[in-house]
Amino acid sequence: MTASSSPFRRTALSVNVNKVALVRNTRHLGIPSVTRAAQLCLEAGAQGITIHPRPDERHIRASDVYELAVLLKAWPQAEFNIEGNPTQNLMQFIRDVRPHQATFVPDSEDQFTSDHGWSFPQDAERLRPLIAECKALGVRVSLFMDPVPAQMAAAKAVGADRVELYTEPYAAAWGTADQEQQLAIYAQAAQAALDAGLEVNAGHDLSRDNLAAFVARVPGVAEVSIGHALIADALELGYGATVKAYQACIDAGIQARLLNK
């Protein structure tokens, strides 16, 4: 087993700062600062920053993309992940900024939040050239996917480097009788992705409550992207303490996985 596919590598935490921008956009004062929030999270140990700039700029604006790209240059050890639909506004940002990772998400322009992944073979032909363009620019591509094991080989076949497993169904089942079944579903999907030669990311409604169990049970999670819950916690705890709390959840999950190896 290679290091990149090892189920015991440390899971990176990428902080999605969209909700900081959402609060800022309710007034014209420029506060809270998106770049300051990102800097504080990086100073506290976050391994990356994620944004999802939508065409209507309801939260992240085009100016934020470029300002964060400048900030991340001072943090060469951290990753910049830009999410979005590559058939809308995402690709121009990728061409201009060349982040470490582009996460393709099949959102409509007016969609409230991401709620499903790509489907194959339906989406294969439109994704293939866009993935190839990103990779030619030196940008890693992750596809936002539902936890369906049979879809993972198809994601690899169109050129993806990673998949980001859409975790809202798991989060919704947390604390219910369906929790263990959902964990098993995600574990199977992640293993199928690893077997296909993909790396595994995860995100959507992960929180301090459910993160450790997910990392413990789901193999090979390279990165979790967390926004809403983390920013909500930061309103009470501050950015630094919140990032450290999420890192502790990741560490607890990894430790539990090692103990059950």
C-alpha atoms as a PDB file:
ATOM      1  CA  MET A   1       0.000   0.000   0.000  1.00  0.00           C
ATOM      2  CA  THR A   2       1.369   3.421  -0.949  1.00  0.00           C
ATOM      3  CA  ALA A   3       1.596   6.326   1.452  1.00  0.00           C
ATOM      4  CA  SER A   4      -1.045   8.250  -0.493  1.00  0.00           C
ATOM      5  CA  SER A   5      -3.577   5.444  -0.088  1.00  0.00           C
ATOM      6  CA  SER A   6      -2.747   4.513   3.502  1.00  0.00           C
ATOM      7  CA  PRO A   7      -5.821   4.592   5.736  1.00  0.00           C
ATOM      8  CA  PHE A   8      -3.644   5.864   8.605  1.00  0.00           C
ATOM      9  CA  ARG A   9      -2.275   9.092   7.102  1.00  0.00           C
ATOM     10  CA  ARG A  10      -3.193  12.220   9.027  1.00  0.00           C
ATOM     11  CA  THR A  11      -6.402  13.820   7.835  1.00  0.00           C
ATOM     12  CA  ALA A  12      -5.961  17.475   6.888  1.00  0.00           C
ATOM     13  CA  LEU A  13      -8.426  20.134   8.018  1.00  0.00           C
ATOM     14  CA  SER A  14      -9.427  22.699   5.399  1.00  0.00           C
ATOM     15  CA  VAL A  15     -11.577  25.527   6.756  1.00  0.00           C
ATOM     16  CA  ASN A  16     -14.358  26.801   4.499  1.00  0.00           C
ATOM     17  CA  VAL A  17     -14.700  30.544   5.124  1.00  0.00           C
ATOM     18  CA  ASN A  18     -17.872  31.121   3.076  1.00  0.00           C
ATOM     19  CA  LYS A  19     -19.976  31.899   6.157  1.00  0.00           C
ATOM     20  CA  VAL A  20     -17.563  34.617   7.236  1.00  0.00           C
ATOM     21  CA  ALA A  21     -18.201  36.286   3.882  1.00  0.00           C
ATOM     22  CA  LEU A  22     -21.951  35.786   4.289  1.00  0.00           C
ATOM     23  CA  VAL A  23     -21.953  37.771   7.544  1.00  0.00           C
ATOM     24  CA  ARG A  24     -19.701  40.471   6.072  1.00  0.00           C
ATOM     25  CA  ASN A  25     -22.020  40.910   3.096  1.00  0.00           C
ATOM     26  CA  THR A  26     -24.956  41.921   5.299  1.00  0.00           C
ATOM     27  CA  ARG A  27     -23.318  45.353   5.767  1.00  0.00           C
ATOM     28  CA  HIS A  28     -20.886  47.559   3.826  1.00  0.00           C
ATOM     29  CA  LEU A  29     -18.189  47.789   6.483  1.00  0.00           C
ATOM     30  CA  GLY A  30     -15.873  45.016   5.328  1.00  0.00           C
ATOM     31  CA  ILE A  31     -16.154  43.131   8.621  1.00  0.00           C
ATOM     32  CA  PRO A  32     -15.681  40.388   9.532  1.00  0.00           C
ATOM     33  CA  SER A  33     -12.662  40.055   7.273  1.00  0.00           C
ATOM     34  CA  VAL A  34     -12.497  36.857   5.228  1.00  0.00           C
ATOM     35  CA  THR A  35      -8.727  37.027   4.831  1.00  0.00           C
ATOM     36  CA  ARG A  36      -8.236  37.708   8.552  1.00  0.00           C
ATOM     37  CA  ALA A  37     -10.415  34.708   9.394  1.00  0.00           C
ATOM     38  CA  ALA A  38      -8.372  32.536   7.050  1.00  0.00           C
ATOM     39  CA  GLN A  39      -5.111  33.792   8.544  1.00  0.00           C
ATOM     40  CA  LEU A  40      -6.246  33.086  12.101  1.00  0.00           C
ATOM     41  CA  CYS A  41      -7.299  29.558  11.140  1.00  0.00           C
ATOM     42  CA  LEU A  42      -3.956  28.914   9.474  1.00  0.00           C
ATOM     43  CA  GLU A  43      -2.094  30.298  12.485  1.00  0.00           C
ATOM     44  CA  ALA A  44      -4.055  27.866  14.667  1.00  0.00           C
ATOM     45  CA  GLY A  45      -2.936  24.900  12.569  1.00  0.00           C
ATOM     46  CA  ALA A  46      -5.500  24.449   9.788  1.00  0.00           C
ATOM     47  CA  GLN A  47      -3.883  22.761   6.798  1.00  0.00           C
ATOM     48  CA  GLY A  48      -5.940  24.561   4.190  1.00  0.00           C
ATOM     49  CA  ILE A  49      -8.593  27.083   3.250  1.00  0.00           C
ATOM     50  CA  THR A  50     -11.661  26.281   1.159  1.00  0.00           C
ATOM     51  CA  ILE A  51     -14.008  28.650  -0.642  1.00  0.00           C
ATOM     52  CA  HIS A  52     -17.030  28.131  -2.871  1.00  0.00           C
ATOM     53  CA  PRO A  53     -17.560  31.327  -4.892  1.00  0.00           C
ATOM     54  CA  ARG A  54     -21.041  31.214  -6.409  1.00  0.00           C
ATOM     55  CA  PRO A  55     -22.058  33.266  -9.458  1.00  0.00           C
ATOM     56  CA  ASP A  56     -24.404  35.482  -7.397  1.00  0.00           C
ATOM     57  CA  GLU A  57     -21.617  36.298  -4.883  1.00  0.00           C
ATOM     58  CA  ARG A  58     -23.988  35.671  -1.991  1.00  0.00           C
ATOM     59  CA  HIS A  59     -20.927  35.085   0.180  1.00  0.00           C
ATOM     60  CA  ILE A  60     -17.470  34.748  -1.393  1.00  0.00           C
ATOM     61  CA  ARG A  61     -16.818  37.494  -3.931  1.00  0.00           C
ATOM     62  CA  ALA A  62     -14.368  37.449  -6.803  1.00  0.00           C
ATOM     63  CA  SER A  63     -12.146  39.869  -4.876  1.00  0.00           C
ATOM     64  CA  ASP A  64     -11.974  37.370  -1.989  1.00  0.00           C
ATOM     65  CA  VAL A  65     -10.636  34.694  -4.303  1.00  0.00           C
ATOM     66  CA  TYR A  66      -7.710  36.820  -5.383  1.00  0.00           C
ATOM     67  CA  GLU A  67      -7.015  38.219  -1.903  1.00  0.00           C
ATOM     68  CA  LEU A  68      -6.964  34.732  -0.414  1.00  0.00           C
ATOM     69  CA  ALA A  69      -4.651  33.549  -3.184  1.00  0.00           C
ATOM     70  CA  VAL A  70      -2.189  36.256  -2.125  1.00  0.00           C
ATOM     71  CA  LEU A  71      -2.549  35.284   1.530  1.00  0.00           C
ATOM     72  CA  LEU A  72      -1.919  31.606   0.815  1.00  0.00           C
ATOM     73  CA  LYS A  73       1.378  32.432  -0.879  1.00  0.00           C
ATOM     74  CA  ALA A  74       2.668  33.297   2.593  1.00  0.00           C
ATOM     75  CA  TRP A  75       1.593  29.848   3.795  1.00  0.00           C
ATOM     76  CA  PRO A  76       3.300  27.442   1.362  1.00  0.00           C
ATOM     77  CA  GLN A  77       2.556  24.472   3.602  1.00  0.00           C
ATOM     78  CA  ALA A  78      -1.205  25.125   3.397  1.00  0.00           C
ATOM     79  CA  GLU A  79      -3.562  24.242   0.570  1.00  0.00           C
ATOM     80  CA  PHE A  80      -6.025  26.447  -1.279  1.00  0.00           C
ATOM     81  CA  ASN A  81      -9.162  24.603  -2.402  1.00  0.00           C
ATOM     82  CA  ILE A  82     -11.699  26.331  -4.641  1.00  0.00           C
ATOM     83  CA  GLU A  83     -15.071  24.610  -5.053  1.00  0.00           C
ATOM     84  CA  GLY A  84     -17.761  25.217  -7.603  1.00  0.00           C
ATOM     85  CA  ASN A  85     -19.498  24.129 -10.750  1.00  0.00           C
ATOM     86  CA  PRO A  86     -16.952  24.130 -13.588  1.00  0.00           C
ATOM     87  CA  THR A  87     -19.702  25.009 -16.100  1.00  0.00           C
ATOM     88  CA  GLN A  88     -20.401  28.287 -14.256  1.00  0.00           C
ATOM     89  CA  ASN A  89     -17.760  30.644 -12.825  1.00  0.00           C
ATOM     90  CA  LEU A  90     -15.201  28.225 -11.390  1.00  0.00           C
ATOM     91  CA  MET A  91     -12.831  27.717 -14.309  1.00  0.00           C
ATOM     92  CA  GLN A  92     -11.794  31.353 -14.678  1.00  0.00           C
ATOM     93  CA  PHE A  93     -10.725  31.380 -11.041  1.00  0.00           C
ATOM     94  CA  ILE A  94      -8.776  28.173 -11.600  1.00  0.00           C
ATOM     95  CA  ARG A  95      -7.015  29.673 -14.616  1.00  0.00           C
ATOM     96  CA  ASP A  96      -6.192  32.912 -12.799  1.00  0.00           C
ATOM     97  CA  VAL A  97      -5.242  31.583  -9.364  1.00  0.00           C
ATOM     98  CA  ARG A  98      -4.142  27.974  -9.961  1.00  0.00           C
ATOM     99  CA  PRO A  99      -5.047  26.736  -6.473  1.00  0.00           C
ATOM    100  CA  HIS A 100      -3.743  23.456  -5.162  1.00  0.00           C
ATOM    101  CA  GLN A 101      -7.142  21.823  -5.638  1.00  0.00           C
ATOM    102  CA  ALA A 102     -10.317  22.402  -7.615  1.00  0.00           C
ATOM    103  CA  THR A 103     -13.381  20.636  -6.252  1.00  0.00           C
ATOM    104  CA  PHE A 104     -16.051  20.228  -8.921  1.00  0.00           C
ATOM    105  CA  VAL A 105     -19.573  20.435  -7.466  1.00  0.00           C
ATOM    106  CA  PRO A 106     -22.740  19.954  -9.595  1.00  0.00           C
ATOM    107  CA  ASP A 107     -24.680  22.899  -8.139  1.00  0.00           C
ATOM    108  CA  SER A 108     -27.212  24.941 -10.043  1.00  0.00           C
ATOM    109  CA  GLU A 109     -26.714  28.714  -9.924  1.00  0.00           C
ATOM    110  CA  ASP A 110     -29.566  29.297  -7.476  1.00  0.00           C
ATOM    111  CA  GLN A 111     -28.979  26.225  -5.318  1.00  0.00           C
ATOM    112  CA  PHE A 112     -29.180  26.907  -1.567  1.00  0.00           C
ATOM    113  CA  THR A 113     -26.318  24.536  -0.744  1.00  0.00           C
ATOM    114  CA  SER A 114     -24.616  21.510  -2.240  1.00  0.00           C
ATOM    115  CA  ASP A 115     -26.877  18.474  -1.919  1.00  0.00           C
ATOM    116  CA  HIS A 116     -25.755  15.796  -4.386  1.00  0.00           C
ATOM    117  CA  GLY A 117     -22.745  14.546  -6.269  1.00  0.00           C
ATOM    118  CA  TRP A 118     -21.871  13.920  -9.911  1.00  0.00           C
ATOM    119  CA  SER A 119     -23.328  10.901 -11.694  1.00  0.00           C
ATOM    120  CA  PHE A 120     -21.706   8.599 -14.214  1.00  0.00           C
ATOM    121  CA  PRO A 121     -21.849   7.976 -17.078  1.00  0.00           C
ATOM    122  CA  GLN A 122     -24.170  11.000 -17.462  1.00  0.00           C
ATOM    123  CA  ASP A 123     -21.608  13.642 -16.468  1.00  0.00           C
ATOM    124  CA  ALA A 124     -18.478  12.023 -17.873  1.00  0.00           C
ATOM    125  CA  GLU A 125     -18.110  13.779 -21.212  1.00  0.00           C
ATOM    126  CA  ARG A 126     -18.627  17.322 -19.946  1.00  0.00           C
ATOM    127  CA  LEU A 127     -16.255  16.787 -17.023  1.00  0.00           C
ATOM    128  CA  ARG A 128     -13.416  15.095 -18.869  1.00  0.00           C
ATOM    129  CA  PRO A 129     -12.036  18.150 -20.766  1.00  0.00           C
ATOM    130  CA  LEU A 130     -12.448  20.437 -17.748  1.00  0.00           C
ATOM    131  CA  ILE A 131     -10.547  18.015 -15.533  1.00  0.00           C
ATOM    132  CA  ALA A 132      -7.839  17.748 -18.178  1.00  0.00           C
ATOM    133  CA  GLU A 133      -7.526  21.548 -18.302  1.00  0.00           C
ATOM    134  CA  CYS A 134      -7.100  21.764 -14.528  1.00  0.00           C
ATOM    135  CA  LYS A 135      -4.461  19.080 -14.501  1.00  0.00           C
ATOM    136  CA  ALA A 136      -2.588  20.780 -17.343  1.00  0.00           C
ATOM    137  CA  LEU A 137      -2.472  23.856 -15.086  1.00  0.00           C
ATOM    138  CA  GLY A 138      -1.045  21.754 -12.254  1.00  0.00           C
ATOM    139  CA  VAL A 139      -4.274  21.798 -10.242  1.00  0.00           C
ATOM    140  CA  ARG A 140      -5.488  18.654  -8.486  1.00  0.00           C
ATOM    141  CA  VAL A 141      -9.144  17.796  -9.169  1.00  0.00           C
ATOM    142  CA  SER A 142     -11.602  16.408  -6.642  1.00  0.00           C
ATOM    143  CA  LEU A 143     -15.146  15.443  -7.648  1.00  0.00           C
ATOM    144  CA  PHE A 144     -18.007  15.933  -5.184  1.00  0.00           C
ATOM    145  CA  MET A 145     -19.638  12.500  -5.038  1.00  0.00           C
ATOM    146  CA  ASP A 146     -22.393  10.641  -3.256  1.00  0.00           C
ATOM    147  CA  PRO A 147     -21.110   7.601  -1.299  1.00  0.00           C
ATOM    148  CA  VAL A 148     -21.822   5.082  -4.060  1.00  0.00           C
ATOM    149  CA  PRO A 149     -18.987   2.542  -4.403  1.00  0.00           C
ATOM    150  CA  ALA A 150     -19.869   1.673  -8.006  1.00  0.00           C
ATOM    151  CA  GLN A 151     -19.284   5.291  -9.084  1.00  0.00           C
ATOM    152  CA  MET A 152     -15.699   5.576  -7.867  1.00  0.00           C
ATOM    153  CA  ALA A 153     -13.946   3.818 -10.736  1.00  0.00           C
ATOM    154  CA  ALA A 154     -15.864   6.032 -13.172  1.00  0.00           C
ATOM    155  CA  ALA A 155     -14.645   9.139 -11.347  1.00  0.00           C
ATOM    156  CA  LYS A 156     -11.089   7.901 -11.761  1.00  0.00           C
ATOM    157  CA  ALA A 157     -11.687   7.109 -15.414  1.00  0.00           C
ATOM    158  CA  VAL A 158     -12.545  10.739 -16.256  1.00  0.00           C
ATOM    159  CA  GLY A 159      -9.252  11.881 -14.739  1.00  0.00           C
ATOM    160  CA  ALA A 160     -10.114  12.883 -11.165  1.00  0.00           C
ATOM    161  CA  ASP A 161      -7.392  12.714  -8.534  1.00  0.00           C
ATOM    162  CA  ARG A 162      -9.748  12.649  -5.555  1.00  0.00           C
ATOM    163  CA  VAL A 163     -13.390  12.418  -4.624  1.00  0.00           C
ATOM    164  CA  GLU A 164     -15.051  14.452  -1.910  1.00  0.00           C
ATOM    165  CA  LEU A 165     -17.700  12.294  -0.289  1.00  0.00           C
ATOM    166  CA  TYR A 166     -20.882  14.275   0.381  1.00  0.00           C
ATOM    167  CA  THR A 167     -21.443  13.656   4.091  1.00  0.00           C
ATOM    168  CA  GLU A 168     -24.810  15.276   4.840  1.00  0.00           C
ATOM    169  CA  PRO A 169     -26.649  11.901   4.953  1.00  0.00           C
ATOM    170  CA  TYR A 170     -24.156  10.719   7.575  1.00  0.00           C
ATOM    171  CA  ALA A 171     -24.518  13.941   9.577  1.00  0.00           C
ATOM    172  CA  ALA A 172     -28.314  13.686   9.417  1.00  0.00           C
ATOM    173  CA  ALA A 173     -28.160  10.114  10.754  1.00  0.00           C
ATOM    174  CA  TRP A 174     -25.824  11.002  13.629  1.00  0.00           C
ATOM    175  CA  GLY A 175     -27.309   9.928  16.943  1.00  0.00           C
ATOM    176  CA  THR A 176     -30.034   7.843  15.307  1.00  0.00           C
ATOM    177  CA  ALA A 177     -30.460   4.142  14.643  1.00  0.00           C
ATOM    178  CA  ASP A 178     -29.124   4.723  11.114  1.00  0.00           C
ATOM    179  CA  GLN A 179     -25.747   6.036  12.227  1.00  0.00           C
ATOM    180  CA  GLU A 180     -23.837   2.766  11.964  1.00  0.00           C
ATOM    181  CA  GLN A 181     -25.391   1.931   8.619  1.00  0.00           C
ATOM    182  CA  GLN A 182     -24.324   5.298   7.245  1.00  0.00           C
ATOM    183  CA  LEU A 183     -20.784   4.837   8.522  1.00  0.00           C
ATOM    184  CA  ALA A 184     -20.647   1.464   6.781  1.00  0.00           C
ATOM    185  CA  ILE A 185     -21.851   3.039   3.528  1.00  0.00           C
ATOM    186  CA  TYR A 186     -19.149   5.697   3.651  1.00  0.00           C
ATOM    187  CA  ALA A 187     -16.474   3.186   4.584  1.00  0.00           C
ATOM    188  CA  GLN A 188     -17.383   1.075   1.553  1.00  0.00           C
ATOM    189  CA  ALA A 189     -17.404   4.087  -0.768  1.00  0.00           C
ATOM    190  CA  ALA A 190     -14.037   5.303   0.502  1.00  0.00           C
ATOM    191  CA  GLN A 191     -12.494   1.869   0.109  1.00  0.00           C
ATOM    192  CA  ALA A 192     -13.837   1.659  -3.445  1.00  0.00           C
ATOM    193  CA  ALA A 193     -12.252   5.049  -4.175  1.00  0.00           C
ATOM    194  CA  LEU A 194      -8.911   3.940  -2.745  1.00  0.00           C
ATOM    195  CA  ASP A 195      -9.083   0.713  -4.728  1.00  0.00           C
ATOM    196  CA  ALA A 196      -9.690   2.750  -7.889  1.00  0.00           C
ATOM    197  CA  GLY A 197      -6.549   4.801  -7.230  1.00  0.00           C
ATOM    198  CA  LEU A 198      -8.295   7.903  -5.902  1.00  0.00           C
ATOM    199  CA  GLU A 199      -7.654   9.850  -2.729  1.00  0.00           C
ATOM    200  CA  VAL A 200     -10.590  10.640  -0.464  1.00  0.00           C
ATOM    201  CA  ASN A 201     -11.869  13.959   0.858  1.00  0.00           C
ATOM    202  CA  ALA A 202     -15.093  14.511   2.759  1.00  0.00           C
ATOM    203  CA  GLY A 203     -17.343  17.394   3.630  1.00  0.00           C
ATOM    204  CA  HIS A 204     -20.783  18.803   4.378  1.00  0.00           C
ATOM    205  CA  ASP A 205     -22.218  19.114   7.880  1.00  0.00           C
ATOM    206  CA  LEU A 206     -19.261  17.504   9.601  1.00  0.00           C
ATOM    207  CA  SER A 207     -18.950  18.881  13.121  1.00  0.00           C
ATOM    208  CA  ARG A 208     -17.247  18.388  16.480  1.00  0.00           C
ATOM    209  CA  ASP A 209     -19.972  15.862  17.306  1.00  0.00           C
ATOM    210  CA  ASN A 210     -19.573  13.524  14.356  1.00  0.00           C
ATOM    211  CA  LEU A 211     -16.085  14.103  12.958  1.00  0.00           C
ATOM    212  CA  ALA A 212     -14.035  11.735  15.131  1.00  0.00           C
ATOM    213  CA  ALA A 213     -16.302   8.758  14.424  1.00  0.00           C
ATOM    214  CA  PHE A 214     -16.149   9.444  10.689  1.00  0.00           C
ATOM    215  CA  VAL A 215     -12.352   9.595  10.624  1.00  0.00           C
ATOM    216  CA  ALA A 216     -12.175   6.455  12.760  1.00  0.00           C
ATOM    217  CA  ARG A 217     -14.412   4.359  10.527  1.00  0.00           C
ATOM    218  CA  VAL A 218     -13.830   5.668   7.007  1.00  0.00           C
ATOM    219  CA  PRO A 219     -10.486   4.623   5.503  1.00  0.00           C
ATOM    220  CA  GLY A 220      -8.012   6.937   3.861  1.00  0.00           C
ATOM    221  CA  VAL A 221      -9.634  10.336   4.456  1.00  0.00           C
ATOM    222  CA  ALA A 222      -6.980  12.746   3.226  1.00  0.00           C
ATOM    223  CA  GLU A 223      -8.886  15.955   3.918  1.00  0.00           C
ATOM    224  CA  VAL A 224     -12.085  17.216   5.480  1.00  0.00           C
ATOM    225  CA  SER A 225     -13.525  20.545   4.395  1.00  0.00           C
ATOM    226  CA  ILE A 226     -15.641  22.101   7.139  1.00  0.00           C
ATOM    227  CA  GLY A 227     -17.396  25.449   7.104  1.00  0.00           C
ATOM    228  CA  HIS A 228     -20.806  25.984   8.658  1.00  0.00           C
ATOM    229  CA  ALA A 229     -20.295  24.132  11.953  1.00  0.00           C
ATOM    230  CA  LEU A 230     -16.726  25.344  12.385  1.00  0.00           C
ATOM    231  CA  ILE A 231     -17.585  28.995  11.814  1.00  0.00           C
ATOM    232  CA  ALA A 232     -20.601  28.674  14.121  1.00  0.00           C
ATOM    233  CA  ASP A 233     -18.332  27.251  16.820  1.00  0.00           C
ATOM    234  CA  ALA A 234     -15.821  30.042  16.209  1.00  0.00           C
ATOM    235  CA  LEU A 235     -18.490  32.618  17.082  1.00  0.00           C
ATOM    236  CA  GLU A 236     -18.410  31.218  20.616  1.00  0.00           C
ATOM    237  CA  LEU A 237     -14.881  29.863  20.973  1.00  0.00           C
ATOM    238  CA  GLY A 238     -12.801  31.983  18.610  1.00  0.00           C
ATOM    239  CA  TYR A 239     -11.017  30.775  15.485  1.00  0.00           C
ATOM    240  CA  GLY A 240      -7.916  29.484  17.206  1.00  0.00           C
ATOM    241  CA  ALA A 241      -9.636  27.392  19.857  1.00  0.00           C
ATOM    242  CA  THR A 242     -12.122  26.071  17.305  1.00  0.00           C
ATOM    243  CA  VAL A 243      -9.473  24.914  14.844  1.00  0.00           C
ATOM    244  CA  LYS A 244      -7.629  23.185  17.671  1.00  0.00           C
ATOM    245  CA  ALA A 245     -10.872  21.502  18.772  1.00  0.00           C
ATOM    246  CA  TYR A 246     -11.474  20.135  15.276  1.00  0.00           C
ATOM    247  CA  GLN A 247      -7.870  18.970  15.049  1.00  0.00           C
ATOM    248  CA  ALA A 248      -8.408  17.142  18.333  1.00  0.00           C
ATOM    249  CA  CYS A 249     -11.446  15.404  16.846  1.00  0.00           C
ATOM    250  CA  ILE A 250      -9.362  14.309  13.863  1.00  0.00           C
ATOM    251  CA  ASP A 251      -6.601  13.065  16.162  1.00  0.00           C
ATOM    252  CA  ALA A 252      -9.128  11.142  18.275  1.00  0.00           C
ATOM    253  CA  GLY A 253     -10.536   9.517  15.154  1.00  0.00           C
ATOM    254  CA  ILE A 254      -7.116   8.509  13.894  1.00  0.00           C
ATOM    255  CA  GLN A 255      -6.189   7.119  17.293  1.00  0.00           C
ATOM    256  CA  ALA A 256      -9.382   5.084  17.465  1.00  0.00           C
ATOM    257  CA  ARG A 257      -8.714   3.712  13.993  1.00  0.00           C
ATOM    258  CA  LEU A 258      -5.168   2.717  14.911  1.00  0.00           C
ATOM    259  CA  LEU A 259      -6.371   0.980  18.061  1.00  0.00           C
ATOM    260  CA  ASN A 260      -8.880  -1.028  15.999  1.00  0.00           C
ATOM    261  CA  LYS A 261      -6.393  -1.874  13.243  1.00  0.00           C
END
